[in-house]
N, C-alpha and C. Protein backbone atom coordinates (compact mmCIF):
# COMPACT_ATOMS: atom_id res chain seq x y z
N UNK A 1 3.56 -67.45 27.33
CA UNK A 1 4.21 -66.96 27.79
C UNK A 1 4.68 -65.99 27.54
N UNK A 2 4.96 -64.07 28.15
CA UNK A 2 5.33 -63.09 26.86
C UNK A 2 6.77 -62.66 28.44
N UNK A 3 7.86 -62.61 27.72
CA UNK A 3 8.89 -61.69 28.73
C UNK A 3 8.46 -61.35 29.81
N UNK A 4 7.63 -59.85 30.01
CA UNK A 4 7.09 -59.55 30.94
C UNK A 4 6.16 -60.60 32.39
N UNK A 5 5.84 -61.62 31.70
CA UNK A 5 5.18 -62.67 32.53
C UNK A 5 6.48 -63.82 33.16
N UNK A 6 7.00 -63.82 32.70
CA UNK A 6 7.74 -64.55 33.21
C UNK A 6 8.34 -63.92 34.12
N UNK A 7 8.91 -63.06 33.80
CA UNK A 7 9.94 -62.43 34.81
C UNK A 7 8.79 -61.34 36.13
N UNK A 8 7.95 -61.85 36.10
CA UNK A 8 7.17 -61.47 37.11
C UNK A 8 6.99 -63.16 37.46
N UNK A 9 6.29 -63.93 37.66
CA UNK A 9 6.70 -64.99 37.80
C UNK A 9 7.99 -65.59 38.42
N UNK A 10 9.20 -65.26 37.60
CA UNK A 10 9.90 -65.97 38.40
C UNK A 10 10.72 -64.92 40.47
N UNK A 11 10.42 -63.86 39.21
CA UNK A 11 10.47 -62.70 41.25
C UNK A 11 9.30 -63.12 42.33
N UNK A 12 7.77 -63.96 41.96
CA UNK A 12 6.81 -64.03 42.70
C UNK A 12 7.52 -65.39 43.34
N UNK A 13 7.48 -66.13 42.35
CA UNK A 13 8.28 -67.79 43.58
C UNK A 13 9.68 -66.99 43.78
N UNK A 14 10.37 -66.40 43.22
CA UNK A 14 11.80 -66.05 44.49
C UNK A 14 11.49 -65.77 45.60
N UNK A 15 10.61 -64.69 45.87
CA UNK A 15 9.32 -64.68 47.41
C UNK A 15 9.07 -65.12 47.72
N UNK A 16 8.30 -66.17 46.95
CA UNK A 16 7.89 -67.55 48.43
C UNK A 16 8.93 -68.46 48.77
N UNK A 17 10.06 -68.30 47.67
CA UNK A 17 11.87 -69.96 47.87
C UNK A 17 12.00 -68.58 49.64
N UNK A 18 11.92 -67.26 49.47
CA UNK A 18 11.83 -66.72 50.33
C UNK A 18 11.45 -67.24 51.97
N UNK A 19 10.24 -66.83 51.56
CA UNK A 19 9.73 -67.09 52.54
C UNK A 19 9.71 -68.36 53.13
N UNK A 20 9.27 -68.61 52.82
CA UNK A 20 9.70 -70.73 52.85
C UNK A 20 11.10 -71.15 53.07
N UNK A 21 12.00 -71.00 52.94
CA UNK A 21 13.40 -71.07 53.70
C UNK A 21 13.31 -70.22 55.18
N UNK A 22 13.12 -68.92 55.15
CA UNK A 22 13.09 -68.50 56.36
C UNK A 22 12.43 -69.11 57.31
N UNK A 23 11.27 -69.23 57.62
CA UNK A 23 10.36 -70.48 58.10
C UNK A 23 11.03 -71.59 58.62
N UNK A 24 11.43 -72.25 57.09
CA UNK A 24 11.81 -73.71 57.67
C UNK A 24 13.23 -73.00 58.35
N UNK A 25 13.59 -72.60 58.02
CA UNK A 25 15.36 -71.86 59.49
C UNK A 25 14.73 -71.49 59.83
N UNK A 26 13.98 -70.76 60.48
CA UNK A 26 13.28 -70.16 62.14
C UNK A 26 12.11 -71.52 62.54
N UNK A 27 12.42 -72.35 62.05
CA UNK A 27 10.69 -72.75 63.13
C UNK A 27 11.40 -74.91 63.11
N UNK A 28 11.77 -74.77 62.06
CA UNK A 28 12.34 -76.54 61.67
C UNK A 28 13.64 -76.87 61.79
N UNK A 29 14.10 -76.46 63.33
CA UNK A 29 15.72 -77.33 63.30
C UNK A 29 15.92 -77.46 64.67
N UNK A 30 16.59 -78.50 64.61
CA UNK A 30 17.65 -79.43 65.63
C UNK A 30 18.32 -78.54 66.80
N UNK A 31 17.70 -78.93 67.48
CA UNK A 31 19.30 -77.70 68.57
C UNK A 31 19.93 -79.10 69.05
N UNK A 32 21.48 -79.01 69.18
CA UNK A 32 21.89 -80.18 69.64
C UNK A 32 23.36 -79.21 70.65
N UNK A 33 22.97 -79.87 71.72
CA UNK A 33 24.27 -79.45 72.44
C UNK A 33 25.76 -80.21 72.39
N UNK A 34 26.37 -79.53 72.73
CA UNK A 34 28.18 -79.72 72.18
C UNK A 34 28.22 -79.90 73.65
N UNK A 35 29.57 -81.55 73.89
CA UNK A 35 30.51 -80.85 74.84
C UNK A 35 31.31 -79.75 75.32
N UNK A 36 31.07 -78.54 76.69
CA UNK A 36 32.06 -77.61 76.64
C UNK A 36 30.87 -76.80 76.72
N UNK A 37 28.80 -76.80 76.52
CA UNK A 37 28.06 -76.21 76.76
C UNK A 37 27.89 -75.31 75.69
N UNK A 38 28.25 -75.79 74.88
CA UNK A 38 28.41 -74.81 73.00
C UNK A 38 27.04 -75.65 72.49
N UNK A 39 26.56 -75.22 71.73
CA UNK A 39 25.23 -76.28 71.14
C UNK A 39 25.28 -75.27 69.68
N UNK A 40 24.38 -76.28 68.76
CA UNK A 40 24.47 -76.11 67.66
C UNK A 40 22.68 -76.28 67.15
N UNK A 41 22.72 -75.87 65.72
CA UNK A 41 21.58 -76.44 65.20
C UNK A 41 21.69 -76.99 64.12
N UNK A 42 20.94 -77.99 63.49
CA UNK A 42 20.49 -78.31 61.37
C UNK A 42 19.09 -77.69 61.52
N UNK A 43 19.70 -77.17 60.62
CA UNK A 43 17.80 -76.96 59.88
C UNK A 43 17.90 -77.49 58.62
N UNK A 44 16.53 -77.23 57.93
CA UNK A 44 16.66 -77.72 56.40
C UNK A 44 16.79 -76.47 55.66
N UNK A 45 16.57 -74.98 56.15
CA UNK A 45 16.94 -73.88 55.30
C UNK A 45 17.27 -74.00 53.55
N UNK A 46 18.80 -74.42 54.23
CA UNK A 46 19.36 -74.48 52.94
C UNK A 46 18.75 -75.40 52.05
N UNK A 47 18.31 -76.59 52.35
CA UNK A 47 17.95 -77.61 51.69
C UNK A 47 16.56 -77.25 49.84
N UNK A 48 15.47 -75.53 51.19
CA UNK A 48 14.73 -74.85 50.18
C UNK A 48 15.65 -74.21 49.24
N UNK A 49 16.85 -73.72 50.23
CA UNK A 49 17.57 -72.49 48.96
C UNK A 49 18.20 -73.52 46.88
N UNK A 50 18.51 -74.68 48.28
CA UNK A 50 19.08 -75.79 46.74
C UNK A 50 18.11 -75.63 45.47
N UNK A 51 16.73 -76.44 46.03
CA UNK A 51 15.53 -76.44 45.88
C UNK A 51 15.36 -75.30 44.77
N UNK A 52 15.08 -73.92 45.49
CA UNK A 52 15.08 -73.00 44.91
C UNK A 52 15.79 -72.77 43.64
N UNK A 53 17.24 -72.73 43.31
CA UNK A 53 18.12 -72.63 42.55
C UNK A 53 18.07 -73.37 42.25
N UNK A 54 17.49 -74.88 42.16
CA UNK A 54 17.60 -75.54 41.21
C UNK A 54 16.49 -75.55 39.96
N UNK A 55 14.98 -74.77 40.26
CA UNK A 55 13.93 -74.71 39.56
C UNK A 55 13.93 -73.22 39.14
N UNK A 56 14.88 -72.45 39.88
CA UNK A 56 14.60 -71.48 39.64
C UNK A 56 15.84 -70.62 38.27
N UNK A 57 16.74 -71.03 38.35
CA UNK A 57 18.14 -70.57 38.27
C UNK A 57 18.64 -70.58 39.21
N UNK A 58 20.11 -69.82 38.83
CA UNK A 58 21.24 -69.39 39.58
C UNK A 58 20.83 -68.20 40.69
N UNK A 59 20.21 -67.41 39.33
CA UNK A 59 20.29 -65.87 39.69
C UNK A 59 19.02 -65.62 41.03
N UNK A 60 18.06 -66.32 40.45
CA UNK A 60 16.22 -66.02 41.03
C UNK A 60 16.45 -66.75 42.60
N UNK A 61 17.29 -68.18 42.27
CA UNK A 61 17.46 -69.00 43.58
C UNK A 61 18.25 -68.52 44.66
N UNK A 62 19.32 -68.02 43.84
CA UNK A 62 20.35 -67.21 45.24
C UNK A 62 19.67 -66.52 45.63
N UNK A 63 19.07 -65.28 45.05
CA UNK A 63 18.33 -63.98 45.61
C UNK A 63 17.34 -64.57 46.43
N UNK A 64 16.36 -65.95 46.45
CA UNK A 64 16.00 -66.41 46.89
C UNK A 64 16.13 -66.94 48.32
N UNK A 65 17.86 -67.30 48.16
CA UNK A 65 18.52 -68.05 49.62
C UNK A 65 19.16 -67.33 50.61
N UNK A 66 19.18 -66.18 49.83
CA UNK A 66 20.31 -65.23 50.24
C UNK A 66 19.11 -63.65 51.01
N UNK A 67 17.73 -63.64 50.75
CA UNK A 67 16.40 -62.98 51.69
C UNK A 67 16.41 -64.31 52.23
N UNK A 68 15.73 -65.52 51.82
CA UNK A 68 15.40 -66.08 53.11
C UNK A 68 16.43 -66.63 54.37
N UNK A 69 17.39 -66.75 53.82
CA UNK A 69 18.52 -67.16 55.14
C UNK A 69 19.52 -66.02 55.83
N UNK A 70 18.76 -64.98 55.45
CA UNK A 70 19.38 -63.97 56.62
C UNK A 70 19.00 -63.83 58.16
N UNK A 71 20.30 -64.74 58.38
CA UNK A 71 20.15 -65.04 59.83
C UNK A 71 20.58 -63.36 60.90
N UNK A 72 20.29 -64.08 62.19
CA UNK A 72 20.60 -62.58 63.22
C UNK A 72 21.97 -62.54 63.09
């Protein structure tokens, strides 16, 4: 595989991990009610971000996580 194909492959996987991170953050979260009426949530979007960083390296994995975990 030449350098251009490797770059295209990493960029496409970055987009895939960004999409997976967003979907997991948005739809797979567990809301927890705290005393005093506040609420927080636990989600697995960060786990997808870490998995992307481990598989793609710091730059591409970090970009995928940063784009996918763009919270409202």
